Amino acid sequence: MEEQYLENTPIPKGHFYHGECQTGDHDVYMDVICPSTGAVYAKMPIATKEMVNLIVEASYAAQRNSDWATRAPRERAKVLYQWATLIEQNQTYLARLEAIGSSRPLHEVLAWDIPYIIDTARFFAELADKHGGYIGATQSNHLGMVIREPYGVVGAITPWNFPLSMAMWKAAPALAAGNAIVIKPSELTPFSTVYLAKLAFDAGLPSDIFNVVLGSGRETGAALCEHPQINKVTFTGSTQTGSSIMSACALTGPKPVTLELGGKSPQIVFADTKDLERTALTIAKAITGNAGQVCVSGSRLIIEKSIESPFIALLKKYFEQLSPGVTWHSSTTLSPIISQQQAQRIQSIVDQSLAQGAECLCGGTMFEGFGGAYFAPTLLKIQDEQNIALEQEIFGPVLTIQSFESEDEAWRLSRHEVYGLAAGIHSANLDRVMRGIRTLEVGSVWVNRYGRSFDHIMPTGGYKKSGIGKDIGVEAFEANLRSKSVLLEFEEKI
């Protein structure tokens, strides 16, 4: 009964603009696959360049002609608070929509994703009137001011792994700062973002201040980034796509970008960690949560040799308890891979890694007997530091294992030539932890834990090819404002 009810959940039918869900006259459609079953569950319009132009121009006109940008910041905040309330009131439908269309289990969406996006909306609502410019030091007959203003229209492209959370990361700070926003969600997981925009409109957001355009990255996403009325672009996804977006923004702008990109994050475990079993559970969850389809996934275990064997045994024990299944079953503890294509990519990298000398300690293949793609949690013991599984972001439940005998060796193994998104340090030695924090070239370091929390004040973003700029935190809000210098000259009488 639950499965049947979920499959009959109404699906939004098109783009969101002019305050409603609608399609264009020249849209073509693509099948949207349910990751849990591998079956088509909906059709999605692919916006042409003309449709992108229409939707962006509507947002541009709304940002200029409505009072959203000039409205008192506290009044903007009230709309965002009401948005959070409506999300809370509609969380059952929103969670079911997310579970059907993505790799997120229903019970996890209700326990984590929904409360998280509600908190995100409220956090940025609170920042709406907590910023300002400053008075500059000038000569006595001048008054110099630096004021902060919204960009205008922000273009956002979001990934498929956490559709609701990523959409809120982009929308909440942009809206709180007085911008309009146009989001193109992943074509694999489009529909929950459409409903999120509808709830924002229902909360009192002016028409076309939050629009959603559906389509492919290659056509629709490119048209969005290149549009002259898009003043800033924010993107979360792969490093390769991020580089293409940055190039497009340079050639057609230039316009600023915020990019949260790929990762290959190390988890460094020292023998003095206080609770071996708790640490093993933390690391296991950091690679199997959402089936490893997380940009900050702790995918490289770097462990002190003296505790390697018992630690691996604990990891295997946890992996064996995971149960793959459709996202709307409460018993499911291992998510499906988003698509067969992505599952085949994971399999290819694992196979190449084994051919290069890696030892598979468990997993290494897909589960049989499912309509969707489910990949078994995998441990790869690796000696060769040039192994493909150490170098490439796999984006699946595959944990590589390297061992060390000295602290210096641990920090050396933790470095990655390309990525610098996040890292975990597990140790009871504070001096060692502080040395690691200073040594690691990453945007986030978690100590004796792993993963983000509800502390929205903590920004997230990467070093090196893991990105530019920050999502979440005050930095994300400020990144949606540009500064203007004003110099007044007046007659000075003595």
Protein backbone atom coordinates (compact mmCIF):
# COMPACT_ATOMS: atom_id res chain seq x y z
CA MET A 1 0.00 0.00 0.00
CA GLU A 2 2.80 2.43 0.92
CA GLU A 3 4.64 1.65 -2.31
CA GLN A 4 1.50 2.13 -4.40
CA TYR A 5 0.71 5.42 -2.68
CA LEU A 6 4.19 6.74 -3.29
CA GLU A 7 4.13 5.79 -6.93
CA ASN A 8 0.88 7.75 -7.29
CA THR A 9 2.30 10.91 -5.75
CA PRO A 10 1.44 13.82 -8.10
CA ILE A 11 4.47 15.04 -10.04
CA PRO A 12 4.93 18.72 -11.04
CA LYS A 13 4.55 18.92 -14.81
CA GLY A 14 6.91 21.64 -15.94
CA HIS A 15 9.07 24.70 -15.31
CA PHE A 16 8.06 27.14 -12.59
CA TYR A 17 7.61 30.76 -13.62
CA HIS A 18 4.92 33.47 -13.50
CA GLY A 19 3.91 31.89 -10.19
CA GLU A 20 2.87 28.53 -11.61
CA CYS A 21 4.09 25.27 -13.06
CA GLN A 22 3.92 25.29 -16.85
CA THR A 23 5.56 24.11 -20.06
CA GLY A 24 6.71 25.90 -23.19
CA ASP A 25 5.26 25.58 -26.67
CA HIS A 26 8.47 24.13 -28.12
CA ASP A 27 9.67 21.97 -25.23
CA VAL A 28 10.73 18.44 -25.97
CA TYR A 29 10.55 15.83 -23.23
CA MET A 30 12.83 13.27 -21.66
CA ASP A 31 12.04 10.27 -19.46
CA VAL A 32 12.86 10.61 -15.78
CA ILE A 33 13.91 7.36 -14.10
CA CYS A 34 13.15 6.34 -10.52
CA PRO A 35 16.56 5.27 -9.11
CA SER A 36 14.95 2.74 -6.78
CA THR A 37 13.30 0.72 -9.53
CA GLY A 38 14.98 1.75 -12.78
CA ALA A 39 11.52 2.49 -14.23
CA VAL A 40 10.30 5.66 -15.92
CA TYR A 41 8.00 7.53 -13.53
CA ALA A 42 7.62 10.91 -15.26
CA LYS A 43 8.50 13.02 -18.26
CA MET A 44 10.38 16.30 -17.98
CA PRO A 45 10.39 19.18 -20.46
CA ILE A 46 13.78 20.23 -21.76
CA ALA A 47 13.85 23.99 -22.05
CA THR A 48 15.07 25.44 -25.30
CA LYS A 49 17.29 28.51 -25.31
CA GLU A 50 14.17 30.55 -26.07
CA MET A 51 12.46 29.18 -22.96
CA VAL A 52 15.52 29.94 -20.83
CA ASN A 53 15.49 33.49 -22.21
CA LEU A 54 11.80 33.90 -21.36
CA ILE A 55 12.23 32.68 -17.79
CA VAL A 56 15.40 34.68 -17.10
CA GLU A 57 13.87 37.84 -18.57
CA ALA A 58 10.83 37.36 -16.34
CA SER A 59 13.12 37.12 -13.29
CA TYR A 60 15.08 40.16 -14.43
CA ALA A 61 11.91 42.23 -14.81
CA ALA A 62 10.58 41.03 -11.45
CA GLN A 63 13.78 41.90 -9.62
CA ARG A 64 13.79 45.41 -11.13
CA ASN A 65 10.07 46.17 -11.01
CA SER A 66 8.87 44.45 -7.85
CA ASP A 67 9.83 45.75 -4.43
CA TRP A 68 11.79 42.63 -3.49
CA ALA A 69 15.25 44.21 -3.67
CA THR A 70 14.13 47.48 -2.05
CA ARG A 71 11.77 45.97 0.51
CA ALA A 72 12.82 46.44 4.14
CA PRO A 73 15.13 43.52 4.98
CA ARG A 74 12.94 42.47 7.91
CA GLU A 75 10.01 42.18 5.50
CA ARG A 76 12.04 39.94 3.19
CA ALA A 77 12.91 37.87 6.25
CA LYS A 78 9.21 37.39 7.07
CA VAL A 79 8.65 35.82 3.65
CA LEU A 80 11.56 33.41 4.18
CA TYR A 81 10.21 32.51 7.63
CA GLN A 82 6.80 31.81 6.13
CA TRP A 83 8.50 29.73 3.42
CA ALA A 84 10.11 27.61 6.14
CA THR A 85 6.71 27.19 7.81
CA LEU A 86 5.08 26.04 4.56
CA ILE A 87 7.88 23.54 3.97
CA GLU A 88 7.23 22.15 7.42
CA GLN A 89 3.48 21.94 6.75
CA ASN A 90 4.03 20.21 3.39
CA GLN A 91 6.92 18.01 4.42
CA THR A 92 5.17 14.68 3.83
CA TYR A 93 4.48 15.37 0.17
CA LEU A 94 7.84 17.05 -0.36
CA ALA A 95 9.67 14.10 1.23
CA ARG A 96 7.79 11.57 -0.89
CA LEU A 97 8.54 13.55 -4.03
CA GLU A 98 12.22 13.60 -3.08
CA ALA A 99 12.32 9.88 -2.24
CA ILE A 100 10.69 8.76 -5.49
CA GLY A 101 12.93 10.87 -7.67
CA SER A 102 16.31 10.65 -5.94
CA SER A 103 18.54 8.32 -3.95
CA ARG A 104 17.37 9.77 -0.63
CA PRO A 105 15.45 7.30 1.61
CA LEU A 106 12.11 8.68 2.77
CA HIS A 107 12.88 8.27 6.46
CA GLU A 108 16.17 10.14 6.03
CA VAL A 109 14.51 12.98 4.11
CA LEU A 110 12.01 13.40 6.95
CA ALA A 111 14.64 13.09 9.69
CA TRP A 112 17.42 15.13 8.07
CA ASP A 113 16.79 16.86 4.71
CA ILE A 114 13.51 18.58 5.57
CA PRO A 115 14.60 19.90 9.00
CA TYR A 116 17.90 20.94 7.41
CA ILE A 117 16.35 23.06 4.65
CA ILE A 118 13.89 24.60 7.12
CA ASP A 119 16.83 25.67 9.28
CA THR A 120 18.69 26.94 6.20
CA ALA A 121 15.79 29.20 5.20
CA ARG A 122 15.52 30.57 8.73
CA PHE A 123 19.27 31.07 9.07
CA PHE A 124 19.47 33.26 5.98
CA ALA A 125 16.26 35.06 6.90
CA GLU A 126 18.01 36.10 10.11
CA LEU A 127 20.92 37.51 8.09
CA ALA A 128 18.71 39.71 5.90
CA ASP A 129 19.13 42.80 8.11
CA LYS A 130 22.41 41.85 9.78
CA HIS A 131 24.71 43.35 7.18
CA GLY A 132 25.72 46.74 5.85
CA GLY A 133 28.45 48.80 4.28
CA TYR A 134 30.77 51.26 5.99
CA ILE A 135 31.97 54.84 6.03
CA GLY A 136 35.43 55.25 4.54
CA ALA A 137 38.16 57.53 5.85
CA THR A 138 38.35 60.46 3.42
CA GLN A 139 39.44 64.11 3.41
CA SER A 140 37.36 66.44 5.54
CA ASN A 141 35.04 67.81 2.83
CA HIS A 142 34.23 64.35 1.47
CA LEU A 143 31.95 61.61 2.74
CA GLY A 144 32.95 58.18 1.49
CA MET A 145 30.52 55.26 1.78
CA VAL A 146 30.64 51.65 0.67
CA ILE A 147 27.16 50.18 0.28
CA ARG A 148 26.07 46.63 -0.50
CA GLU A 149 23.50 45.76 -3.14
CA PRO A 150 22.07 42.54 -4.64
CA TYR A 151 23.46 41.37 -7.97
CA GLY A 152 20.07 41.18 -9.65
CA VAL A 153 19.43 37.70 -11.03
CA VAL A 154 21.47 34.73 -9.79
CA GLY A 155 21.63 31.60 -11.94
CA ALA A 156 22.01 28.32 -10.04
CA ILE A 157 22.67 24.78 -11.22
CA THR A 158 22.17 22.07 -8.62
CA PRO A 159 23.19 18.39 -8.48
CA TRP A 160 21.18 15.21 -8.12
CA ASN A 161 22.53 13.82 -4.86
CA PHE A 162 20.70 16.13 -2.39
CA PRO A 163 18.20 18.01 -4.56
CA LEU A 164 16.31 19.85 -1.81
CA SER A 165 19.34 20.76 0.29
CA MET A 166 21.35 22.01 -2.67
CA ALA A 167 18.45 24.10 -4.00
CA MET A 168 18.04 25.72 -0.60
CA TRP A 169 21.80 26.39 -0.35
CA LYS A 170 21.48 28.49 -3.49
CA ALA A 171 18.05 30.06 -3.09
CA ALA A 172 17.97 31.13 0.57
CA PRO A 173 21.05 33.41 0.62
CA ALA A 174 20.26 34.87 -2.82
CA LEU A 175 16.70 35.72 -1.84
CA ALA A 176 17.61 37.04 1.60
CA ALA A 177 20.05 39.45 -0.06
CA GLY A 178 17.34 40.79 -2.39
CA ASN A 179 18.18 38.91 -5.59
CA ALA A 180 15.96 36.95 -7.92
CA ILE A 181 17.12 33.42 -8.66
CA VAL A 182 16.65 30.96 -11.51
CA ILE A 183 17.57 27.36 -10.65
CA LYS A 184 18.19 24.56 -13.11
CA PRO A 185 18.05 21.33 -11.07
CA SER A 186 19.65 18.14 -12.35
CA GLU A 187 17.62 16.52 -15.09
CA LEU A 188 17.87 13.30 -13.04
CA THR A 189 16.10 14.81 -10.00
CA PRO A 190 14.10 17.85 -11.11
CA PHE A 191 10.73 17.88 -9.41
CA SER A 192 11.24 18.59 -5.71
CA THR A 193 12.93 21.90 -6.61
CA VAL A 194 9.86 22.93 -8.62
CA TYR A 195 7.65 22.35 -5.59
CA LEU A 196 10.11 24.19 -3.35
CA ALA A 197 9.74 27.25 -5.62
CA LYS A 198 5.95 26.96 -5.51
CA LEU A 199 6.03 27.03 -1.71
CA ALA A 200 8.22 30.15 -1.81
CA PHE A 201 5.65 31.85 -4.04
CA ASP A 202 2.84 30.73 -1.73
CA ALA A 203 4.78 32.24 1.18
CA GLY A 204 4.59 35.71 -0.40
CA LEU A 205 7.59 35.88 -2.71
CA PRO A 206 6.74 38.08 -5.72
CA SER A 207 6.07 36.26 -8.99
CA ASP A 208 9.24 35.34 -10.92
CA ILE A 209 11.64 36.13 -8.08
CA PHE A 210 12.25 32.36 -7.73
CA ASN A 211 11.93 30.53 -11.03
CA VAL A 212 12.91 26.99 -12.01
CA VAL A 213 13.89 25.98 -15.53
CA LEU A 214 14.11 22.30 -16.36
CA GLY A 215 16.39 20.71 -18.90
CA SER A 216 19.79 19.25 -19.65
CA GLY A 217 23.07 20.67 -18.47
CA ARG A 218 24.53 20.77 -21.95
CA GLU A 219 21.74 22.87 -23.47
CA THR A 220 19.62 24.43 -20.73
CA GLY A 221 22.40 24.89 -18.18
CA ALA A 222 24.71 26.44 -20.74
CA ALA A 223 22.00 28.87 -21.89
CA LEU A 224 21.40 29.89 -18.28
CA CYS A 225 25.08 30.56 -17.55
CA GLU A 226 25.57 32.51 -20.77
CA HIS A 227 22.48 34.71 -20.47
CA PRO A 228 23.48 38.40 -20.23
CA GLN A 229 20.87 39.11 -17.54
CA ILE A 230 22.33 36.47 -15.22
CA ASN A 231 24.72 38.48 -13.05
CA LYS A 232 26.19 35.64 -10.99
CA VAL A 233 26.29 31.84 -11.25
CA THR A 234 26.45 29.31 -8.43
CA PHE A 235 26.99 25.60 -9.07
CA THR A 236 27.49 22.39 -7.13
CA GLY A 237 28.72 19.34 -9.03
CA SER A 238 31.72 17.83 -10.75
CA THR A 239 35.03 19.61 -11.22
CA GLN A 240 34.88 19.09 -14.98
CA THR A 241 31.45 20.72 -15.28
CA GLY A 242 32.48 23.48 -12.88
CA SER A 243 35.43 24.34 -15.11
CA SER A 244 33.13 24.55 -18.13
CA ILE A 245 30.74 26.83 -16.24
CA MET A 246 33.59 29.08 -15.12
CA SER A 247 34.80 29.32 -18.71
CA ALA A 248 31.32 30.19 -19.99
CA CYS A 249 30.92 32.87 -17.32
CA ALA A 250 34.30 34.35 -18.25
CA LEU A 251 33.53 34.44 -21.96
CA THR A 252 29.98 35.79 -21.70
CA GLY A 253 30.44 38.07 -18.68
CA PRO A 254 32.70 38.09 -17.04
CA LYS A 255 30.48 37.26 -14.09
CA PRO A 256 31.34 35.90 -10.63
CA VAL A 257 30.88 32.24 -9.76
CA THR A 258 30.57 30.14 -6.63
CA LEU A 259 31.62 26.54 -7.29
CA GLU A 260 31.46 23.60 -4.91
CA LEU A 261 33.08 20.77 -6.83
CA GLY A 262 34.51 17.28 -6.48
CA GLY A 263 36.32 15.73 -3.56
CA LYS A 264 38.51 12.81 -2.59
CA SER A 265 38.46 13.35 1.15
CA PRO A 266 40.81 11.54 3.54
CA GLN A 267 39.88 10.11 6.94
CA ILE A 268 43.07 9.89 9.02
CA VAL A 269 42.80 7.52 11.98
CA PHE A 270 45.52 7.33 14.64
CA ALA A 271 45.95 4.49 17.11
CA ASP A 272 45.21 6.82 20.04
CA THR A 273 41.63 7.46 18.92
CA LYS A 274 39.54 7.04 22.05
CA ASP A 275 36.79 4.73 20.83
CA LEU A 276 37.74 2.46 17.93
CA GLU A 277 34.22 1.12 17.42
CA ARG A 278 32.65 4.59 17.38
CA THR A 279 35.30 5.83 14.94
CA ALA A 280 34.74 2.86 12.64
CA LEU A 281 31.00 3.56 12.63
CA THR A 282 31.66 7.22 11.80
CA ILE A 283 33.89 6.30 8.87
CA ALA A 284 31.52 3.60 7.62
CA LYS A 285 28.60 6.04 7.59
CA ALA A 286 30.73 8.66 5.84
CA ILE A 287 31.23 6.36 2.84
CA THR A 288 27.87 4.55 2.76
CA GLY A 289 25.54 7.48 3.51
CA ASN A 290 23.52 8.12 0.34
CA ALA A 291 25.54 5.19 -1.09
CA GLY A 292 28.66 7.34 -1.11
CA GLN A 293 27.06 9.84 -3.48
CA VAL A 294 28.23 12.82 -1.45
CA CYS A 295 30.81 15.39 -2.52
CA VAL A 296 32.46 15.36 0.93
CA SER A 297 32.27 11.58 1.24
CA GLY A 298 35.18 10.30 3.32
CA SER A 299 36.43 8.00 0.60
CA ARG A 300 40.09 7.50 1.61
CA LEU A 301 40.86 5.76 4.91
CA ILE A 302 44.43 6.43 6.04
CA ILE A 303 44.98 4.38 9.19
CA GLU A 304 47.82 3.68 11.60
CA LYS A 305 49.14 0.20 10.83
CA SER A 306 48.88 -1.11 14.41
CA ILE A 307 45.07 -0.88 14.41
CA GLU A 308 44.40 -1.64 10.76
CA SER A 309 43.19 -5.26 11.11
CA PRO A 310 40.66 -4.79 13.95
CA PHE A 311 39.42 -1.59 12.34
CA ILE A 312 38.76 -3.30 9.01
CA ALA A 313 36.85 -6.02 10.85
CA LEU A 314 34.60 -3.37 12.41
CA LEU A 315 33.98 -1.77 9.03
CA LYS A 316 33.02 -5.10 7.47
CA LYS A 317 30.63 -5.77 10.36
CA TYR A 318 28.83 -2.50 9.73
CA PHE A 319 28.74 -2.98 5.95
CA GLU A 320 27.14 -6.41 6.38
CA GLN A 321 24.22 -4.84 8.29
CA LEU A 322 23.21 -2.51 5.47
CA SER A 323 20.06 -3.36 3.57
CA PRO A 324 19.54 -2.11 -0.01
CA GLY A 325 16.03 -1.32 -1.11
CA VAL A 326 13.61 1.20 -2.53
CA THR A 327 13.78 4.62 -0.92
CA TRP A 328 10.23 4.58 0.45
CA HIS A 329 10.73 1.46 2.60
CA SER A 330 11.65 2.14 6.21
CA SER A 331 13.94 -0.92 6.23
CA THR A 332 16.21 0.52 3.52
CA THR A 333 19.63 1.52 4.85
CA LEU A 334 21.59 1.54 1.59
CA SER A 335 20.46 3.94 -1.13
CA PRO A 336 20.30 3.11 -4.83
CA ILE A 337 22.89 4.53 -7.19
CA ILE A 338 21.29 7.39 -9.09
CA SER A 339 21.48 5.64 -12.48
CA GLN A 340 22.72 2.54 -14.24
CA GLN A 341 25.30 4.69 -16.02
CA GLN A 342 26.74 5.93 -12.74
CA ALA A 343 26.77 2.38 -11.32
CA GLN A 344 28.69 1.16 -14.36
CA ARG A 345 31.21 3.96 -13.87
CA ILE A 346 31.74 2.87 -10.25
CA GLN A 347 32.18 -0.74 -11.38
CA SER A 348 34.68 0.31 -14.04
CA ILE A 349 36.87 2.19 -11.57
CA VAL A 350 36.79 -0.70 -9.08
CA ASP A 351 37.74 -3.17 -11.82
CA GLN A 352 40.59 -0.96 -13.00
CA SER A 353 41.79 -0.55 -9.42
CA LEU A 354 41.90 -4.32 -8.93
CA ALA A 355 43.76 -4.73 -12.21
CA GLN A 356 46.33 -2.23 -10.89
CA GLY A 357 46.95 -4.36 -7.79
CA ALA A 358 44.32 -3.33 -5.24
CA GLU A 359 42.96 -6.03 -2.93
CA CYS A 360 39.18 -6.19 -2.56
CA LEU A 361 38.37 -6.98 1.09
CA CYS A 362 34.58 -6.93 0.60
CA GLY A 363 31.98 -5.84 -1.96
CA GLY A 364 33.28 -4.83 -5.37
CA THR A 365 30.11 -5.59 -7.34
CA MET A 366 26.49 -4.56 -7.72
CA PHE A 367 23.72 -6.36 -5.88
CA GLU A 368 21.65 -8.64 -8.10
CA GLY A 369 17.88 -8.86 -8.27
CA PHE A 370 16.95 -5.18 -8.15
CA GLY A 371 15.39 -3.02 -10.82
CA GLY A 372 17.51 -0.08 -9.72
CA ALA A 373 21.29 -0.12 -9.37
CA TYR A 374 22.63 -0.96 -5.90
CA PHE A 375 26.36 -1.19 -5.33
CA ALA A 376 27.75 -3.27 -2.48
CA PRO A 377 29.82 -1.32 0.08
CA THR A 378 33.41 -1.97 -0.93
CA LEU A 379 36.81 -1.92 0.79
CA LEU A 380 39.93 -1.69 -1.39
CA LYS A 381 43.31 -2.18 0.26
CA ILE A 382 45.87 -0.28 -1.85
CA GLN A 383 49.66 -0.09 -1.83
CA ASP A 384 50.36 1.77 -5.10
CA GLU A 385 49.78 5.49 -4.58
CA GLN A 386 49.05 5.92 -8.31
CA ASN A 387 46.04 3.58 -8.19
CA ILE A 388 43.00 4.95 -10.01
CA ALA A 389 40.74 4.46 -6.97
CA LEU A 390 42.93 6.87 -5.00
CA GLU A 391 43.07 9.45 -7.76
CA GLN A 392 39.52 9.66 -9.12
CA GLU A 393 36.32 10.66 -7.38
CA ILE A 394 34.22 7.49 -7.49
CA PHE A 395 30.96 8.85 -6.02
CA GLY A 396 29.86 5.50 -4.69
CA PRO A 397 30.22 3.35 -1.53
CA VAL A 398 33.89 2.51 -2.18
CA LEU A 399 36.46 3.11 0.58
CA THR A 400 40.16 2.84 -0.16
CA ILE A 401 42.55 1.85 2.65
CA GLN A 402 46.17 2.90 3.10
CA SER A 403 48.21 2.40 6.25
CA PHE A 404 51.00 4.47 7.83
CA GLU A 405 53.55 4.11 10.60
CA SER A 406 54.44 7.76 11.31
CA GLU A 407 52.54 11.01 11.59
CA ASP A 408 54.48 12.59 8.74
CA GLU A 409 53.56 9.68 6.52
CA ALA A 410 49.90 10.12 7.46
CA TRP A 411 49.86 13.77 6.38
CA ARG A 412 51.74 12.94 3.20
CA LEU A 413 49.26 10.23 2.21
CA SER A 414 46.35 12.55 2.94
CA ARG A 415 47.37 15.05 0.28
CA HIS A 416 45.69 14.96 -3.11
CA GLU A 417 47.01 16.67 -6.21
CA VAL A 418 43.57 17.70 -7.48
CA TYR A 419 41.04 17.85 -4.66
CA GLY A 420 40.86 19.70 -1.36
CA LEU A 421 37.24 19.63 -0.19
CA ALA A 422 37.23 18.05 3.27
CA ALA A 423 39.12 15.79 5.68
CA GLY A 424 38.61 13.96 8.95
CA ILE A 425 41.16 13.57 11.76
CA HIS A 426 40.54 10.96 14.44
CA SER A 427 42.91 11.27 17.38
CA ALA A 428 42.95 12.05 21.11
CA ASN A 429 46.21 13.99 20.80
CA LEU A 430 45.35 17.70 20.58
CA ASP A 431 48.83 18.75 19.45
CA ARG A 432 48.69 16.25 16.59
CA VAL A 433 45.19 17.38 15.64
CA MET A 434 46.32 21.02 15.49
CA ARG A 435 49.30 20.08 13.33
CA GLY A 436 46.94 18.26 10.97
CA ILE A 437 44.53 21.19 10.76
CA ARG A 438 47.41 23.44 9.71
CA THR A 439 48.82 20.86 7.27
CA LEU A 440 45.69 19.74 5.41
CA GLU A 441 44.88 21.77 2.29
CA VAL A 442 41.10 21.43 2.45
CA GLY A 443 38.10 23.68 2.97
CA SER A 444 36.62 21.74 5.94
CA VAL A 445 38.30 19.68 8.64
CA TRP A 446 36.23 17.55 11.00
CA VAL A 447 37.86 16.25 14.16
CA ASN A 448 36.62 13.05 15.83
CA ARG A 449 33.45 13.30 13.71
CA TYR A 450 32.69 13.51 10.00
CA GLY A 451 30.17 15.47 7.98
CA ARG A 452 28.13 18.62 8.14
CA SER A 453 25.86 19.55 11.01
CA PHE A 454 22.96 21.95 11.53
CA ASP A 455 25.46 24.69 12.41
CA HIS A 456 24.73 26.82 9.37
CA ILE A 457 27.24 29.40 10.53
CA MET A 458 29.99 27.05 9.33
CA PRO A 459 30.71 27.70 5.63
CA THR A 460 31.46 24.90 3.21
CA GLY A 461 33.63 24.96 0.11
CA GLY A 462 36.89 23.59 -1.23
CA TYR A 463 40.52 24.33 -1.98
CA LYS A 464 42.31 23.59 -5.25
CA LYS A 465 40.00 22.04 -7.87
CA SER A 466 37.32 21.39 -5.27
CA GLY A 467 35.86 24.82 -5.79
CA ILE A 468 35.76 28.58 -5.39
CA GLY A 469 33.78 30.46 -2.77
CA LYS A 470 31.52 29.17 -0.02
CA ASP A 471 28.03 27.84 0.47
CA ILE A 472 26.32 28.22 3.84
CA GLY A 473 27.54 30.63 6.50
CA VAL A 474 27.82 34.40 6.42
CA GLU A 475 30.21 34.06 3.47
CA ALA A 476 27.43 32.59 1.31
CA PHE A 477 25.13 35.50 2.12
CA GLU A 478 27.81 38.10 1.42
CA ALA A 479 28.64 36.40 -1.88
CA ASN A 480 25.17 37.40 -3.09
CA LEU A 481 25.90 41.11 -2.60
CA ARG A 482 28.18 43.44 -4.54
CA SER A 483 29.71 46.65 -3.23
CA LYS A 484 29.33 50.19 -4.55
CA SER A 485 31.59 53.10 -3.59
CA VAL A 486 29.93 56.50 -3.07
CA LEU A 487 31.93 59.70 -2.59
CA LEU A 488 30.12 62.93 -1.65
CA GLU A 489 31.84 66.28 -1.79
CA PHE A 490 30.44 69.23 0.14
CA GLU A 491 31.44 72.78 0.85
CA GLU A 492 33.35 73.03 4.07
CA LYS A 493 32.96 76.32 5.94
CA ILE A 494 35.11 77.24 8.92
